[in-house]
Amino acid sequence: GDDNTCASSVPRVSNRLCAFKTRTPSFFQESVGFRAVTLQYLRLGSCSDTTQQWADFSSALEINQSLKCLDLTASEFPDEGVKLLCSTLRHPVCFLLKFVGLWGCSITPFSCQDLASALISKQSPEALDLGQDILGPSGVVVLLEALTQKNGPLKTFGLKIDTSTMEIWKLLKDVKESNPQVTAECNKARTARSSGCDSLS
């Protein structure tokens, strides 16, 4: 069947859009008429495309000022694509965004500095899921160091820790003490994505 069926069949008055194994993340602008829809829930699973198309996608997110949940589970992000998305997450129009799911998105340690800057932004989401992303000890340290800062609305942060070190466990303790409103879901064996979008339904 057509991979875009879920998206193309959504009526223009819908506030939800769901599509999986979609070849490009930008198709939903054309299929649904992004400017015309008060979109609140967007799930695009297993997207894989070029940096330019992720740039177009990020620009489209800035157009929509009603989005509350963005789930990109199992999509493949180049490092530059993550940088573009993080820049969008810091944009003032994204202040309504509550949940961002990047579970299993092949995010690398090189992108963790950009993610850290988004985490501490006043426009950051309330929940960010990075489960199943191989961030490495250095990437985890960068993110946890960012979480020790108190600015930003983040409340739930999910990640998978493959290699535990004394520095990481100390930072987890520091996060709990300095930023108590943040719950860091760090499980070495974590294999299930967050239910963030579903819980906002």
Protein backbone atom coordinates (compact mmCIF):
# COMPACT_ATOMS: atom_id res chain seq x y z
CA GLY A 1 0.00 0.00 0.00
CA ASP A 2 0.83 3.66 -0.04
CA ASP A 3 3.07 4.71 2.86
CA ASN A 4 1.39 8.12 2.85
CA THR A 5 -2.17 6.79 3.25
CA CYS A 6 -2.42 7.76 6.90
CA ALA A 7 -1.47 11.33 6.16
CA SER A 8 -3.29 11.94 2.88
CA SER A 9 -6.57 10.68 4.30
CA VAL A 10 -6.56 13.09 7.25
CA PRO A 11 -9.24 15.78 6.75
CA ARG A 12 -8.15 19.40 6.80
CA VAL A 13 -9.98 20.05 10.05
CA SER A 14 -8.02 17.33 11.88
CA ASN A 15 -5.50 18.30 14.56
CA ARG A 16 -3.68 14.95 14.33
CA LEU A 17 -1.36 13.54 11.69
CA CYS A 18 0.29 10.12 11.81
CA ALA A 19 2.45 8.41 9.19
CA PHE A 20 5.08 5.69 9.29
CA LYS A 21 7.86 4.57 6.94
CA THR A 22 7.50 7.84 5.10
CA ARG A 23 10.26 8.55 2.64
CA THR A 24 10.38 12.28 3.33
CA PRO A 25 9.41 14.34 6.40
CA SER A 26 8.19 17.25 4.26
CA PHE A 27 5.31 15.52 2.46
CA PHE A 28 2.77 16.45 5.13
CA GLN A 29 2.96 20.13 4.16
CA GLU A 30 1.63 19.27 0.70
CA SER A 31 -0.79 16.50 1.71
CA VAL A 32 -2.61 18.28 4.48
CA GLY A 33 -2.07 21.95 3.76
CA PHE A 34 0.07 22.73 6.79
CA ARG A 35 -0.85 26.40 7.02
CA ALA A 36 -4.57 25.56 6.97
CA VAL A 37 -4.52 23.01 9.78
CA THR A 38 -4.43 23.66 13.51
CA LEU A 39 -2.12 20.71 14.00
CA GLN A 40 -1.48 19.65 17.59
CA TYR A 41 -0.24 16.05 17.25
CA LEU A 42 2.33 15.01 14.65
CA ARG A 43 3.87 11.55 14.46
CA LEU A 44 6.18 10.76 11.56
CA GLY A 45 7.89 7.44 12.19
CA SER A 46 10.87 6.02 10.29
CA CYS A 47 11.51 9.08 8.14
CA SER A 48 14.82 9.18 6.31
CA ASP A 49 15.98 11.95 4.02
CA THR A 50 18.48 14.69 3.29
CA THR A 51 19.61 17.58 5.42
CA GLN A 52 17.79 20.00 3.10
CA GLN A 53 14.50 18.19 3.56
CA TRP A 54 14.94 18.22 7.32
CA ALA A 55 15.62 21.96 6.97
CA ASP A 56 12.31 22.37 5.12
CA PHE A 57 10.60 20.33 7.82
CA SER A 58 12.05 22.54 10.58
CA SER A 59 10.87 25.65 8.74
CA ALA A 60 7.38 24.17 8.48
CA LEU A 61 7.33 23.57 12.24
CA GLU A 62 7.93 27.28 12.78
CA ILE A 63 4.88 28.06 10.65
CA ASN A 64 2.58 25.91 12.77
CA GLN A 65 2.07 27.61 16.14
CA SER A 66 -0.32 25.07 17.67
CA LEU A 67 1.77 21.88 17.74
CA LYS A 68 1.92 20.23 21.17
CA CYS A 69 3.39 16.82 20.36
CA LEU A 70 6.11 15.89 17.86
CA ASP A 71 7.04 12.20 17.62
CA LEU A 72 9.76 11.28 15.11
CA THR A 73 10.40 7.76 16.42
CA ALA A 74 12.98 5.72 14.46
CA SER A 75 13.66 8.49 11.95
CA GLU A 76 17.23 8.89 10.70
CA PHE A 77 18.71 12.27 11.54
CA PRO A 78 22.01 13.53 10.12
CA ASP A 79 23.87 15.68 12.66
CA GLU A 80 23.00 18.81 10.68
CA GLY A 81 19.33 17.80 10.78
CA VAL A 82 19.47 17.62 14.58
CA LYS A 83 21.07 21.07 14.67
CA LEU A 84 18.23 22.47 12.56
CA LEU A 85 15.56 20.85 14.71
CA CYS A 86 17.16 22.12 17.92
CA SER A 87 17.27 25.63 16.49
CA THR A 88 13.54 25.33 15.79
CA LEU A 89 12.85 24.07 19.33
CA ARG A 90 14.44 27.28 20.65
CA HIS A 91 12.21 29.40 18.42
CA PRO A 92 9.59 31.47 20.31
CA VAL A 93 6.69 30.07 18.23
CA CYS A 94 7.36 26.58 19.61
CA PHE A 95 6.43 27.50 23.17
CA LEU A 96 3.31 25.27 23.04
CA LEU A 97 5.32 22.14 22.22
CA LYS A 98 5.06 19.75 25.19
CA PHE A 99 6.61 16.51 23.93
CA VAL A 100 9.39 15.70 21.45
CA GLY A 101 10.09 12.03 20.74
CA LEU A 102 13.45 11.21 19.16
CA TRP A 103 13.50 7.58 20.28
CA GLY A 104 15.79 5.43 18.14
CA CYS A 105 16.65 8.27 15.76
CA SER A 106 20.32 7.37 15.23
CA ILE A 107 21.38 10.53 17.03
CA THR A 108 25.13 10.62 17.63
CA PRO A 109 27.30 12.13 20.40
CA PHE A 110 28.20 14.94 17.98
CA SER A 111 24.63 16.30 18.24
CA CYS A 112 24.49 16.39 22.04
CA GLN A 113 25.72 19.97 22.35
CA ASP A 114 22.86 21.17 20.15
CA LEU A 115 20.39 19.08 22.14
CA ALA A 116 21.79 20.49 25.38
CA SER A 117 21.20 24.05 24.21
CA ALA A 118 17.59 23.14 23.38
CA LEU A 119 17.10 21.51 26.79
CA ILE A 120 17.93 24.68 28.70
CA SER A 121 15.99 27.01 26.41
CA LYS A 122 12.94 28.78 27.79
CA GLN A 123 11.11 27.34 24.77
CA SER A 124 12.18 23.73 25.42
CA PRO A 125 9.49 21.03 25.54
CA GLU A 126 8.31 19.58 28.84
CA ALA A 127 9.38 16.08 27.76
CA LEU A 128 12.16 14.84 25.47
CA ASP A 129 12.72 11.15 24.71
CA LEU A 130 16.16 10.12 23.41
CA GLY A 131 15.81 6.43 24.28
CA GLN A 132 17.73 3.96 22.10
CA ASP A 133 19.98 6.70 20.72
CA ILE A 134 23.66 5.76 21.06
CA LEU A 135 24.90 8.96 22.68
CA GLY A 136 28.03 7.53 24.28
CA PRO A 137 29.38 8.54 27.71
CA SER A 138 30.59 11.92 26.42
CA GLY A 139 27.19 12.77 24.93
CA VAL A 140 25.33 11.71 28.07
CA VAL A 141 27.65 13.90 30.17
CA VAL A 142 26.97 16.94 27.98
CA LEU A 143 23.20 16.47 28.31
CA LEU A 144 23.24 15.84 32.06
CA GLU A 145 25.44 18.89 32.63
CA ALA A 146 22.81 20.95 30.81
CA LEU A 147 20.09 19.49 33.04
CA THR A 148 21.84 20.75 36.17
CA GLN A 149 20.79 24.25 35.08
CA LYS A 150 17.43 25.45 36.34
CA ASN A 151 16.14 27.44 33.40
CA GLY A 152 13.65 25.84 31.03
CA PRO A 153 10.29 24.02 31.39
CA LEU A 154 11.67 20.48 30.90
CA LYS A 155 10.13 17.93 33.28
CA THR A 156 10.85 14.51 31.77
CA PHE A 157 13.99 13.42 29.96
CA GLY A 158 14.46 9.90 28.61
CA LEU A 159 17.74 8.39 27.48
CA LYS A 160 19.55 5.08 27.34
CA ILE A 161 22.87 4.80 29.17
CA ASP A 162 24.99 2.06 27.63
CA THR A 163 28.11 2.70 29.69
CA SER A 164 27.84 3.95 33.27
CA THR A 165 30.70 5.95 34.79
CA MET A 166 31.21 7.63 38.14
CA GLU A 167 30.92 11.00 36.40
CA ILE A 168 27.54 10.07 34.94
CA TRP A 169 26.14 8.84 38.25
CA LYS A 170 27.41 12.00 39.99
CA LEU A 171 25.71 14.14 37.35
CA LEU A 172 22.45 12.22 37.76
CA LYS A 173 22.60 13.03 41.47
CA ASP A 174 23.41 16.67 40.71
CA VAL A 175 20.42 16.90 38.36
CA LYS A 176 18.11 15.55 41.05
CA GLU A 177 19.42 18.05 43.58
CA SER A 178 19.71 21.18 41.44
CA ASN A 179 16.75 20.65 39.12
CA PRO A 180 14.25 18.55 41.13
CA GLN A 181 11.33 19.13 38.76
CA VAL A 182 13.16 17.09 36.08
CA THR A 183 12.73 13.32 36.00
CA ALA A 184 15.59 11.65 34.14
CA GLU A 185 14.47 8.24 32.86
CA CYS A 186 17.82 6.51 32.42
CA ASN A 187 17.67 2.76 31.98
CA LYS A 188 20.44 0.67 30.43
CA ALA A 189 17.89 -1.89 29.29
CA ARG A 190 15.28 0.61 28.10
CA THR A 191 13.73 -0.77 24.90
CA ALA A 192 10.32 0.94 24.81
CA ARG A 193 9.68 4.47 23.66
CA SER A 194 7.90 6.99 25.83
CA SER A 195 4.12 7.22 25.58
CA GLY A 196 4.40 11.01 25.58
CA CYS A 197 2.16 11.75 22.59
CA ASP A 198 -0.43 9.22 23.68
CA SER A 199 -0.59 10.70 27.17
CA LEU A 200 -1.31 14.11 25.66
CA SER A 201 -4.15 12.80 23.52
